[in-house]
Amino acid sequence: MSLSAWEKQFLAILTAICLGLGTAGQVGAADVASIAVPADEALWPWVKDLDQPPSPPAGVAGRWLPWDNQYKRLASQFSHGGITKAQGEAWDRQMLAIGAFLKQAPLLQQPAGFYPHMYGFITVVKAGSWNDRPKQAPLAGGVSALHWPPRDIQVGAGGEPRLKPGSEILEAFTLELNFVYPPAGFDWMKDGQGEFGPLRKQGEYGGFPIYDNALHLTRDGRLPYRPVSQERVLRAFLARFKDEPKNVEQRIAAARKSYEAYMAPARVAERKAKIDEEVDRLRATARQPSEADQRRRSLEARQKSNEEGMRLAANPDLERDPKYATLRAVRAAEAQLASMSEAERRRPAWQGRNAASNEAGLVPEGTPGSSPLISFDPDFFDAGAPRHEIRIALVRKLHTTAYNAHRRAPTEVNVAARANLLLLQQTDWRQFAEKFVR
């Protein structure tokens, strides 16, 4: 898929910003509103299912279970994050307001075939340097909406619904607030600045992007990530595989030593004598002389194959042998880094779709099927803002929601999945972002 004109223009602006503001090995793009990532919709057909209404739940009219103030029971989170009573109450007021906003969906105005239930939860941001200072970190958490099938509900004498003991929801619609999930990359994608990985755009829903199976809701389009420079990627790759040339040299030296010992005249004569001895025994008992001759040919062919295998191991083709792909990738990364200008080193890194775990896999920006490599943006959250301020909201597990709502039979078992998708479809996410996200 080719880049659109506006995406090409944005990438040009992004590159200019990076070249002008970045320091060595680092892309200076903390103030970039968004990262232009083309979506390869052919890879993610389930995204289209998000627009298709599922079979709605039907049946007995459901009543609401009481709102559950989860934060009141999370003493460990309050202690770990240094959350004050006032901060916890301010967060809970937001969760209640968000819950009321979600309840505007027709699905929840007159629930049928399920009993609705919501709760709010609280923690702190766990990303970047906030991990080391949780008591200063912004608050995080969210609201979960559960849709209980009637089989899990018992109704009290006054008509109030209660969960039956042992009831367990299979799926919940969860709106996560201020959660950050830097995309996971290969195990070598980390350095002294932290971890990084590819940002894969799977499509859009309601005017918002879907990255890595999650709808990203922001007011200004800015994501909690920043581009990673090509230099940083290459240096991280080389640091992870720095011992590969030495290891290869040692493996080849050991293979040559083994081959030389194996091909020593005395060892060759010893193997020949064993073959002669086995053939002579067979010739003495075989009904046909040809059986012994056939056995000799088989043993000698096996011996020749062993010798050839050891010879190749001692004298490998480093440019073609698959076992030395990592060595070739290291050499290529070293050459690429050495040949780069300072401007090229600072450019945002993009990785090809089919990059292997033992190669850097850098490709030109915007290559079809490629993804930008990104890391957490430490400037995304304003340290001077109130801790309860919401900067981003995520609706995750969209693939599971779409699959279970459409691919399973519309029974009581998957009533939650169908209700989850309907809640996604019936909520005005643009209005939500304008109302709750800063």
Protein backbone atom coordinates (compact mmCIF):
# COMPACT_ATOMS: atom_id res chain seq x y z
CA MET A 1 0.00 0.00 0.00
CA SER A 2 1.44 3.37 -0.99
CA LEU A 3 1.47 6.43 1.23
CA SER A 4 -1.12 9.12 0.67
CA ALA A 5 -0.02 12.64 -0.16
CA TRP A 6 -0.70 13.96 3.34
CA GLU A 7 1.21 11.07 4.91
CA LYS A 8 4.21 11.76 2.67
CA GLN A 9 4.02 15.45 3.59
CA PHE A 10 3.81 14.59 7.28
CA LEU A 11 6.79 12.27 7.07
CA ALA A 12 8.79 15.00 5.38
CA ILE A 13 7.91 17.41 8.20
CA LEU A 14 8.68 14.75 10.80
CA THR A 15 12.09 14.11 9.26
CA ALA A 16 12.85 17.82 9.21
CA ILE A 17 11.93 18.08 12.88
CA CYS A 18 14.11 15.08 13.69
CA LEU A 19 17.10 16.47 11.82
CA GLY A 20 16.78 19.85 13.40
CA LEU A 21 16.10 18.87 17.02
CA GLY A 22 17.58 15.43 17.56
CA THR A 23 20.81 14.67 19.33
CA ALA A 24 23.22 11.98 18.19
CA GLY A 25 21.40 8.65 17.89
CA GLN A 26 18.08 10.12 19.02
CA VAL A 27 15.06 11.46 17.15
CA GLY A 28 13.87 14.75 18.61
CA ALA A 29 10.15 14.38 18.03
CA ALA A 30 8.59 14.69 21.46
CA ASP A 31 6.22 17.38 20.24
CA VAL A 32 5.01 15.53 17.15
CA ALA A 33 1.22 15.26 17.19
CA SER A 34 1.11 11.82 15.57
CA ILE A 35 3.10 9.29 13.63
CA ALA A 36 1.88 8.72 10.09
CA VAL A 37 1.55 4.97 9.66
CA PRO A 38 -0.21 3.53 6.61
CA ALA A 39 -2.58 0.66 7.37
CA ASP A 40 -2.29 -2.57 5.43
CA GLU A 41 -5.94 -3.59 5.65
CA ALA A 42 -5.38 -6.81 3.69
CA LEU A 43 -3.53 -8.18 6.71
CA TRP A 44 -6.32 -7.36 9.15
CA PRO A 45 -9.68 -8.36 7.61
CA TRP A 46 -11.33 -8.50 11.04
CA VAL A 47 -11.23 -4.69 11.25
CA LYS A 48 -14.13 -4.57 8.80
CA ASP A 49 -16.16 -6.78 11.15
CA LEU A 50 -16.17 -3.99 13.71
CA ASP A 51 -18.70 -2.10 11.56
CA GLN A 52 -21.05 -5.06 11.17
CA PRO A 53 -23.82 -5.15 13.83
CA PRO A 54 -24.01 -8.54 15.56
CA SER A 55 -27.16 -10.33 16.54
CA PRO A 56 -28.35 -8.30 19.55
CA PRO A 57 -28.94 -9.98 22.90
CA ALA A 58 -32.61 -10.64 23.54
CA GLY A 59 -34.73 -12.04 26.31
CA VAL A 60 -35.61 -11.06 29.84
CA ALA A 61 -35.22 -7.40 30.75
CA GLY A 62 -32.03 -6.96 32.70
CA ARG A 63 -31.53 -4.69 35.70
CA TRP A 64 -28.32 -2.93 36.63
CA LEU A 65 -26.03 -4.32 39.27
CA PRO A 66 -24.59 -1.63 41.59
CA TRP A 67 -21.56 0.37 40.48
CA ASP A 68 -18.47 -1.21 42.00
CA ASN A 69 -15.92 1.20 43.49
CA GLN A 70 -12.89 -0.99 42.93
CA TYR A 71 -10.47 1.72 43.98
CA LYS A 72 -11.66 1.54 47.60
CA ARG A 73 -10.31 -2.01 47.87
CA LEU A 74 -6.95 -1.43 46.19
CA ALA A 75 -4.93 -0.40 49.20
CA SER A 76 -1.73 -1.77 47.68
CA GLN A 77 -2.13 0.50 44.65
CA PHE A 78 -2.70 3.52 46.88
CA SER A 79 0.41 2.73 48.89
CA HIS A 80 2.61 1.95 45.88
CA GLY A 81 1.47 4.98 43.90
CA GLY A 82 1.21 7.42 46.79
CA ILE A 83 -2.40 8.13 45.83
CA THR A 84 -4.14 10.43 48.27
CA LYS A 85 -7.79 10.12 49.26
CA ALA A 86 -8.59 13.29 47.30
CA GLN A 87 -6.83 11.99 44.19
CA GLY A 88 -8.64 8.66 44.45
CA GLU A 89 -12.00 10.37 44.80
CA ALA A 90 -11.27 12.70 41.87
CA TRP A 91 -10.43 9.68 39.74
CA ASP A 92 -13.56 7.85 40.82
CA ARG A 93 -15.72 10.84 39.90
CA GLN A 94 -14.27 10.65 36.41
CA MET A 95 -14.99 6.94 36.23
CA LEU A 96 -18.59 7.52 37.28
CA ALA A 97 -18.95 10.22 34.63
CA ILE A 98 -17.48 7.93 31.99
CA GLY A 99 -19.81 5.17 33.10
CA ALA A 100 -22.77 7.50 32.71
CA PHE A 101 -21.53 8.45 29.24
CA LEU A 102 -21.31 4.81 28.17
CA LYS A 103 -24.81 4.17 29.52
CA GLN A 104 -26.18 6.46 26.79
CA ALA A 105 -25.78 3.58 24.33
CA PRO A 106 -29.22 2.17 23.37
CA LEU A 107 -27.93 -1.28 24.35
CA LEU A 108 -27.67 -0.15 27.97
CA GLN A 109 -30.73 2.07 28.03
CA GLN A 110 -33.01 -0.95 27.92
CA PRO A 111 -30.88 -4.05 28.52
CA ALA A 112 -32.47 -7.29 27.38
CA GLY A 113 -31.02 -10.76 27.64
CA PHE A 114 -28.30 -9.69 30.08
CA TYR A 115 -27.73 -7.86 33.35
CA PRO A 116 -25.33 -4.90 32.99
CA HIS A 117 -22.65 -4.11 35.52
CA MET A 118 -19.85 -1.51 35.61
CA TYR A 119 -16.87 -0.82 37.81
CA GLY A 120 -13.96 1.57 37.83
CA PHE A 121 -10.36 0.72 38.69
CA ILE A 122 -7.22 2.67 39.48
CA THR A 123 -3.44 2.30 39.29
CA VAL A 124 -0.56 4.50 38.12
CA VAL A 125 1.24 4.85 34.80
CA LYS A 126 3.91 2.19 34.41
CA ALA A 127 6.09 3.31 31.53
CA GLY A 128 9.48 4.90 31.08
CA SER A 129 10.91 6.74 34.07
CA TRP A 130 7.50 6.68 35.79
CA ASN A 131 8.36 3.11 36.80
CA ASP A 132 11.06 4.52 39.08
CA ARG A 133 8.86 7.21 40.62
CA PRO A 134 5.34 5.75 40.96
CA LYS A 135 4.31 8.28 43.61
CA GLN A 136 4.64 11.08 41.02
CA ALA A 137 3.22 9.10 38.11
CA PRO A 138 -0.10 10.05 36.49
CA LEU A 139 -3.07 7.94 37.51
CA ALA A 140 -4.27 5.19 35.23
CA GLY A 141 -7.15 2.75 35.28
CA GLY A 142 -10.45 2.60 33.52
CA VAL A 143 -14.04 1.44 33.38
CA SER A 144 -15.18 -2.09 32.66
CA ALA A 145 -18.68 -2.93 31.47
CA LEU A 146 -19.85 -6.48 32.03
CA HIS A 147 -22.93 -8.09 30.52
CA TRP A 148 -24.00 -11.02 32.66
CA PRO A 149 -26.24 -13.71 31.16
CA PRO A 150 -29.35 -14.51 33.24
CA ARG A 151 -27.90 -17.87 34.23
CA ASP A 152 -25.34 -16.05 36.42
CA ILE A 153 -27.88 -13.87 38.24
CA GLN A 154 -30.08 -14.50 41.22
CA VAL A 155 -32.81 -11.98 41.99
CA GLY A 156 -33.47 -10.98 45.59
CA ALA A 157 -36.84 -10.64 47.25
CA GLY A 158 -36.89 -6.94 46.40
CA GLY A 159 -36.01 -7.59 42.75
CA GLU A 160 -32.38 -6.55 43.15
CA PRO A 161 -29.99 -8.64 41.01
CA ARG A 162 -26.99 -10.34 42.57
CA LEU A 163 -24.28 -12.51 41.08
CA LYS A 164 -24.49 -16.19 41.82
CA PRO A 165 -21.49 -17.59 43.68
CA GLY A 166 -18.78 -18.72 41.28
CA SER A 167 -19.99 -16.59 38.37
CA GLU A 168 -17.16 -15.69 36.05
CA ILE A 169 -17.42 -13.31 33.12
CA LEU A 170 -15.78 -14.57 29.97
CA GLU A 171 -15.39 -11.17 28.34
CA ALA A 172 -15.66 -7.56 29.47
CA PHE A 173 -15.72 -4.30 27.58
CA THR A 174 -12.86 -2.37 29.15
CA LEU A 175 -11.96 1.24 28.50
CA GLU A 176 -8.36 1.67 29.65
CA LEU A 177 -7.24 5.17 30.61
CA ASN A 178 -3.65 6.39 30.55
CA PHE A 179 -2.39 2.88 29.89
CA VAL A 180 0.64 2.73 27.63
CA TYR A 181 1.74 -0.43 25.83
CA PRO A 182 4.89 0.27 23.81
CA PRO A 183 4.76 -2.29 21.00
CA ALA A 184 6.91 -5.30 21.77
CA GLY A 185 9.71 -5.98 19.33
CA PHE A 186 12.40 -8.62 19.08
CA ASP A 187 14.42 -9.31 22.22
CA TRP A 188 17.31 -7.16 20.98
CA MET A 189 15.12 -4.04 20.70
CA LYS A 190 16.25 -2.38 23.90
CA ASP A 191 19.11 -0.23 25.10
CA GLY A 192 19.97 2.24 27.84
CA GLN A 193 17.03 4.42 26.76
CA GLY A 194 14.49 1.63 27.09
CA GLU A 195 12.61 -0.72 24.80
CA PHE A 196 11.25 -0.06 21.33
CA GLY A 197 9.32 -1.91 18.65
CA PRO A 198 7.21 -1.64 15.49
CA LEU A 199 3.98 0.36 15.51
CA ARG A 200 1.55 -1.54 13.29
CA LYS A 201 -1.56 0.26 12.14
CA GLN A 202 -4.39 -2.14 11.42
CA GLY A 203 -7.02 0.36 10.36
CA GLU A 204 -9.38 2.96 11.79
CA TYR A 205 -12.67 2.99 13.62
CA GLY A 206 -14.83 6.03 14.31
CA GLY A 207 -12.10 8.31 13.01
CA PHE A 208 -9.49 6.94 15.43
CA PRO A 209 -6.55 4.66 14.63
CA ILE A 210 -6.22 1.02 15.58
CA TYR A 211 -2.71 0.00 16.56
CA ASP A 212 -1.83 -3.49 17.71
CA ASN A 213 -5.42 -4.56 18.35
CA ALA A 214 -6.40 -1.44 20.30
CA LEU A 215 -8.43 1.65 19.42
CA HIS A 216 -6.37 4.71 20.45
CA LEU A 217 -8.56 7.61 21.58
CA THR A 218 -6.89 11.01 21.89
CA ARG A 219 -8.10 14.56 21.52
CA ASP A 220 -5.20 15.94 19.47
CA GLY A 221 -4.02 12.80 17.67
CA ARG A 222 -0.78 12.65 19.60
CA LEU A 223 0.36 9.17 20.60
CA PRO A 224 2.43 8.26 23.66
CA TYR A 225 5.30 7.18 21.42
CA ARG A 226 8.23 8.81 19.69
CA PRO A 227 10.15 7.65 16.61
CA VAL A 228 13.41 5.76 17.07
CA SER A 229 16.42 6.79 15.01
CA GLN A 230 18.14 4.48 12.56
CA GLU A 231 21.38 4.83 14.51
CA ARG A 232 19.75 3.72 17.74
CA VAL A 233 18.29 0.64 16.05
CA LEU A 234 21.59 -0.38 14.47
CA ARG A 235 23.55 0.15 17.67
CA ALA A 236 21.04 -1.86 19.70
CA PHE A 237 21.19 -4.67 17.15
CA LEU A 238 24.99 -4.69 17.11
CA ALA A 239 25.15 -4.62 20.91
CA ARG A 240 22.91 -7.69 21.12
CA PHE A 241 24.94 -9.66 18.56
CA LYS A 242 28.38 -8.21 19.27
CA ASP A 243 29.82 -11.65 20.03
CA GLU A 244 28.55 -13.29 16.84
CA PRO A 245 31.79 -12.85 14.79
CA LYS A 246 33.89 -14.28 17.63
CA ASN A 247 31.43 -17.15 18.17
CA VAL A 248 31.45 -18.01 14.48
CA GLU A 249 35.24 -17.97 14.40
CA GLN A 250 35.36 -20.32 17.37
CA ARG A 251 32.77 -22.68 15.87
CA ILE A 252 34.66 -22.88 12.58
CA ALA A 253 37.99 -23.44 14.37
CA ALA A 254 36.46 -26.27 16.38
CA ALA A 255 34.89 -27.79 13.24
CA ARG A 256 38.24 -27.68 11.40
CA LYS A 257 40.03 -29.31 14.29
CA SER A 258 37.42 -32.08 14.39
CA TYR A 259 37.64 -32.57 10.62
CA GLU A 260 41.42 -32.77 10.63
CA ALA A 261 41.34 -35.34 13.43
CA TYR A 262 38.59 -37.29 11.64
CA MET A 263 40.57 -37.40 8.40
CA ALA A 264 43.88 -38.39 9.98
CA PRO A 265 45.32 -41.43 8.11
CA ALA A 266 45.08 -43.64 11.18
CA ARG A 267 41.41 -42.79 11.72
CA VAL A 268 40.61 -43.34 8.04
CA ALA A 269 42.33 -46.71 8.12
CA GLU A 270 40.46 -47.64 11.30
CA ARG A 271 37.08 -46.88 9.72
CA LYS A 272 38.02 -48.81 6.56
CA ALA A 273 39.03 -51.82 8.66
CA LYS A 274 35.68 -51.79 10.47
CA ILE A 275 33.82 -51.75 7.16
CA ASP A 276 35.93 -54.64 5.84
CA GLU A 277 35.31 -56.63 9.02
CA GLU A 278 31.53 -56.17 8.88
CA VAL A 279 31.38 -57.04 5.15
CA ASP A 280 33.50 -60.17 5.67
CA ARG A 281 31.18 -61.41 8.42
CA LEU A 282 28.17 -60.85 6.19
CA ARG A 283 29.83 -62.57 3.23
CA ALA A 284 30.42 -65.67 5.36
CA THR A 285 26.74 -66.06 6.19
CA ALA A 286 24.92 -64.42 3.25
CA ARG A 287 23.05 -66.54 0.75
CA GLN A 288 24.09 -64.30 -2.11
CA PRO A 289 27.51 -62.60 -2.49
CA SER A 290 25.69 -59.52 -3.74
CA GLU A 291 24.33 -58.91 -0.22
CA ALA A 292 27.83 -58.26 1.09
CA ASP A 293 28.66 -56.03 -1.87
CA GLN A 294 25.48 -54.02 -1.34
CA ARG A 295 26.31 -53.63 2.36
CA ARG A 296 29.81 -52.34 1.53
CA ARG A 297 28.39 -49.73 -0.86
CA SER A 298 25.93 -48.58 1.81
CA LEU A 299 28.59 -48.26 4.52
CA GLU A 300 31.04 -46.47 2.25
CA ALA A 301 28.34 -44.04 1.06
CA ARG A 302 27.45 -43.22 4.67
CA GLN A 303 31.12 -42.72 5.46
CA LYS A 304 31.59 -40.42 2.51
CA SER A 305 28.51 -38.40 3.52
CA ASN A 306 29.90 -37.94 7.06
CA GLU A 307 33.24 -36.80 5.70
CA GLU A 308 31.58 -34.31 3.34
CA GLY A 309 29.40 -32.89 6.11
CA MET A 310 32.41 -32.33 8.36
CA ARG A 311 34.36 -30.81 5.48
CA LEU A 312 31.59 -28.29 4.80
CA ALA A 313 31.31 -27.43 8.50
CA ALA A 314 35.05 -26.77 8.57
CA ASN A 315 34.92 -24.67 5.40
CA PRO A 316 31.47 -23.02 5.39
CA ASP A 317 30.11 -20.68 2.75
CA LEU A 318 29.59 -17.67 4.99
CA GLU A 319 27.74 -15.78 2.24
CA ARG A 320 25.08 -18.43 1.63
CA ASP A 321 24.86 -20.88 4.52
CA PRO A 322 21.61 -20.19 6.47
CA LYS A 323 23.42 -20.96 9.74
CA TYR A 324 25.46 -17.78 9.28
CA ALA A 325 22.57 -15.41 8.51
CA THR A 326 23.14 -13.59 11.79
CA LEU A 327 26.81 -13.01 10.98
CA ARG A 328 25.86 -11.59 7.59
CA ALA A 329 23.28 -9.33 9.26
CA VAL A 330 25.89 -8.06 11.72
CA ARG A 331 28.30 -7.27 8.93
CA ALA A 332 25.55 -5.52 6.97
CA ALA A 333 24.55 -3.44 10.02
CA GLU A 334 28.17 -2.47 10.66
CA ALA A 335 28.61 -1.42 7.04
CA GLN A 336 25.30 0.47 7.00
CA LEU A 337 26.13 2.39 10.16
CA ALA A 338 29.64 3.23 8.97
CA SER A 339 28.36 4.58 5.65
CA MET A 340 25.60 6.77 7.14
CA SER A 341 25.82 10.52 7.28
CA GLU A 342 24.84 12.26 10.51
CA ALA A 343 21.49 13.20 8.95
CA GLU A 344 20.81 9.59 7.93
CA ARG A 345 21.61 8.33 11.41
CA ARG A 346 18.93 10.58 12.90
CA ARG A 347 16.18 9.64 10.49
CA PRO A 348 13.22 7.66 11.88
CA ALA A 349 13.72 3.91 11.54
CA TRP A 350 11.24 1.75 9.65
CA GLN A 351 11.35 -2.04 9.66
CA GLY A 352 10.16 -4.39 6.93
CA ARG A 353 7.19 -6.65 7.54
CA ASN A 354 9.19 -9.86 7.07
CA ALA A 355 12.23 -8.87 9.09
CA ALA A 356 13.69 -11.82 11.00
CA SER A 357 14.62 -11.70 14.66
CA ASN A 358 18.31 -11.91 13.80
CA GLU A 359 18.47 -8.91 11.46
CA ALA A 360 17.96 -5.17 11.83
CA GLY A 361 15.60 -5.18 8.84
CA LEU A 362 15.67 -1.42 8.18
CA VAL A 363 13.89 -0.25 5.04
CA PRO A 364 13.17 3.20 3.55
CA GLU A 365 10.39 5.19 5.21
CA GLY A 366 6.92 4.28 4.04
CA THR A 367 7.93 1.03 2.31
CA PRO A 368 4.70 -0.94 1.72
CA GLY A 369 4.10 -3.33 4.58
CA SER A 370 6.71 -1.70 6.82
CA SER A 371 6.22 -0.14 10.24
CA PRO A 372 7.98 2.67 12.10
CA LEU A 373 9.97 1.68 15.17
CA ILE A 374 8.88 3.66 18.20
CA SER A 375 9.48 3.96 21.94
CA PHE A 376 7.58 5.52 24.81
CA ASP A 377 7.56 9.32 24.66
CA PRO A 378 8.64 10.54 28.12
CA ASP A 379 7.08 13.95 27.42
CA PHE A 380 3.62 12.57 26.64
CA PHE A 381 2.34 13.05 30.19
CA ASP A 382 2.67 16.54 31.63
CA ALA A 383 4.40 16.25 35.01
CA GLY A 384 2.74 19.50 36.08
CA ALA A 385 -0.82 18.41 35.26
CA PRO A 386 -3.24 16.96 37.85
CA ARG A 387 -2.56 13.28 38.34
CA HIS A 388 -6.08 12.31 37.35
CA GLU A 389 -5.89 14.04 33.94
CA ILE A 390 -6.65 11.62 31.10
CA ARG A 391 -4.33 11.83 28.08
CA ILE A 392 -5.28 8.68 26.19
CA ALA A 393 -7.95 5.97 26.26
CA LEU A 394 -7.74 2.51 24.74
CA VAL A 395 -10.34 -0.04 23.75
CA ARG A 396 -8.30 -3.24 23.49
CA LYS A 397 -8.81 -6.82 22.29
CA LEU A 398 -10.81 -5.67 19.28
CA HIS A 399 -9.92 -8.78 17.30
CA THR A 400 -11.36 -11.01 20.03
CA THR A 401 -14.46 -8.84 20.25
CA ALA A 402 -15.10 -8.97 16.50
CA TYR A 403 -14.38 -12.68 16.22
CA ASN A 404 -16.52 -13.82 19.13
CA ALA A 405 -19.43 -11.54 18.22
CA HIS A 406 -19.61 -12.70 14.60
CA ARG A 407 -18.00 -16.12 14.37
CA ARG A 408 -19.75 -17.86 17.23
CA ALA A 409 -23.38 -18.90 17.37
CA PRO A 410 -25.60 -16.21 18.99
CA THR A 411 -26.22 -18.05 22.23
CA GLU A 412 -26.27 -17.07 25.90
CA VAL A 413 -22.62 -18.06 26.11
CA ASN A 414 -21.43 -15.27 23.84
CA VAL A 415 -24.00 -12.65 24.83
CA ALA A 416 -21.14 -10.64 26.37
CA ALA A 417 -19.17 -10.58 23.11
CA ARG A 418 -22.16 -9.33 21.13
CA ALA A 419 -22.97 -6.73 23.76
CA ASN A 420 -19.33 -5.57 23.77
CA LEU A 421 -19.35 -4.98 20.03
CA LEU A 422 -22.69 -3.19 20.15
CA LEU A 423 -21.39 -0.92 22.91
CA LEU A 424 -18.38 -0.09 20.74
CA GLN A 425 -20.65 0.69 17.80
CA GLN A 426 -23.22 2.72 19.73
CA THR A 427 -20.76 5.02 21.52
CA ASP A 428 -19.73 8.37 20.05
CA TRP A 429 -15.98 8.12 20.54
CA ARG A 430 -15.27 11.55 19.12
CA GLN A 431 -17.57 13.08 21.71
CA PHE A 432 -15.94 10.92 24.38
CA ALA A 433 -12.46 12.21 23.48
CA GLU A 434 -13.63 15.81 23.49
CA LYS A 435 -15.32 15.38 26.86
CA PHE A 436 -12.81 13.35 28.84
CA VAL A 437 -9.37 13.37 27.18
CA ARG A 438 -7.07 16.36 27.57
